[in-house]
């Protein structure tokens, strides 16, 4: 897949919509350093990543299994 961003383009295998816990976990699972055959992954989210998440109602629970990511 070729993703166009203004005057430049990026080649990516997977485009993930949403940079929440599920989207970022999927990005790591598909393209992270522990993958045998990592894919080129792009994550897009409408939120500005430099802003704080005050009032974000999503919960997150981490376990020992997530440390492997």
Protein backbone atom coordinates (compact mmCIF):
# COMPACT_ATOMS: atom_id res chain seq x y z
CA UNK A 1 0.00 0.00 0.00
CA UNK A 2 1.31 3.45 -0.85
CA UNK A 3 0.19 6.21 1.53
CA UNK A 4 0.43 9.75 0.21
CA UNK A 5 1.13 12.58 2.64
CA UNK A 6 1.23 15.88 0.81
CA UNK A 7 4.15 15.78 -1.58
CA UNK A 8 5.72 12.63 -0.12
CA UNK A 9 4.67 8.98 -0.05
CA UNK A 10 5.36 6.08 2.31
CA UNK A 11 5.16 2.36 1.59
CA UNK A 12 3.34 0.43 4.29
CA UNK A 13 1.97 -3.10 4.63
CA UNK A 14 -0.62 -2.32 7.32
CA UNK A 15 -2.48 0.87 8.20
CA UNK A 16 -3.98 0.92 11.71
CA UNK A 17 -6.64 3.51 12.50
CA UNK A 18 -6.45 4.48 16.16
CA UNK A 19 -3.49 4.90 18.50
CA UNK A 20 -5.24 3.62 21.60
CA UNK A 21 -4.11 0.56 23.54
CA UNK A 22 -5.52 -1.89 20.97
CA UNK A 23 -4.08 -0.11 17.93
CA UNK A 24 -0.62 0.33 19.43
CA UNK A 25 -0.58 -3.29 20.64
CA UNK A 26 -1.47 -4.48 17.16
CA UNK A 27 1.26 -2.30 15.66
CA UNK A 28 3.83 -3.87 18.00
CA UNK A 29 2.53 -7.37 17.30
CA UNK A 30 2.80 -6.88 13.52
CA UNK A 31 5.92 -4.76 13.20
CA UNK A 32 7.75 -4.71 16.50
CA UNK A 33 11.31 -5.80 17.17
CA UNK A 34 10.25 -9.25 18.35
CA UNK A 35 8.52 -10.18 15.09
CA UNK A 36 10.09 -12.89 12.96
CA UNK A 37 8.87 -11.19 9.80
CA UNK A 38 8.01 -7.60 10.76
CA UNK A 39 5.65 -5.66 8.54
CA UNK A 40 5.82 -1.97 7.71
CA UNK A 41 3.08 -0.58 9.99
CA UNK A 42 1.61 2.92 10.05
CA UNK A 43 -0.66 4.08 12.89
CA UNK A 44 -2.93 7.08 12.35
CA UNK A 45 -5.02 8.86 14.95
CA UNK A 46 -6.95 12.13 14.78
CA UNK A 47 -5.63 13.28 18.17
CA UNK A 48 -2.60 15.50 18.51
CA UNK A 49 0.04 13.30 20.22
CA UNK A 50 1.56 16.29 22.02
CA UNK A 51 -1.58 17.04 24.04
CA UNK A 52 -2.37 15.47 27.38
CA UNK A 53 -5.19 12.97 27.72
CA UNK A 54 -7.03 14.61 30.61
CA UNK A 55 -10.53 13.25 30.73
CA UNK A 56 -9.70 10.12 28.72
CA UNK A 57 -12.06 7.45 30.01
CA UNK A 58 -10.25 4.43 28.55
CA UNK A 59 -8.79 2.07 31.11
CA UNK A 60 -5.57 0.14 30.78
CA UNK A 61 -4.50 -3.00 32.63
CA UNK A 62 -0.98 -4.35 32.22
CA UNK A 63 0.04 -7.91 32.98
CA UNK A 64 3.28 -9.88 32.83
CA UNK A 65 2.28 -11.10 29.36
CA UNK A 66 2.44 -7.55 27.99
CA UNK A 67 6.07 -7.22 29.08
CA UNK A 68 7.02 -9.54 26.20
CA UNK A 69 5.92 -6.85 23.76
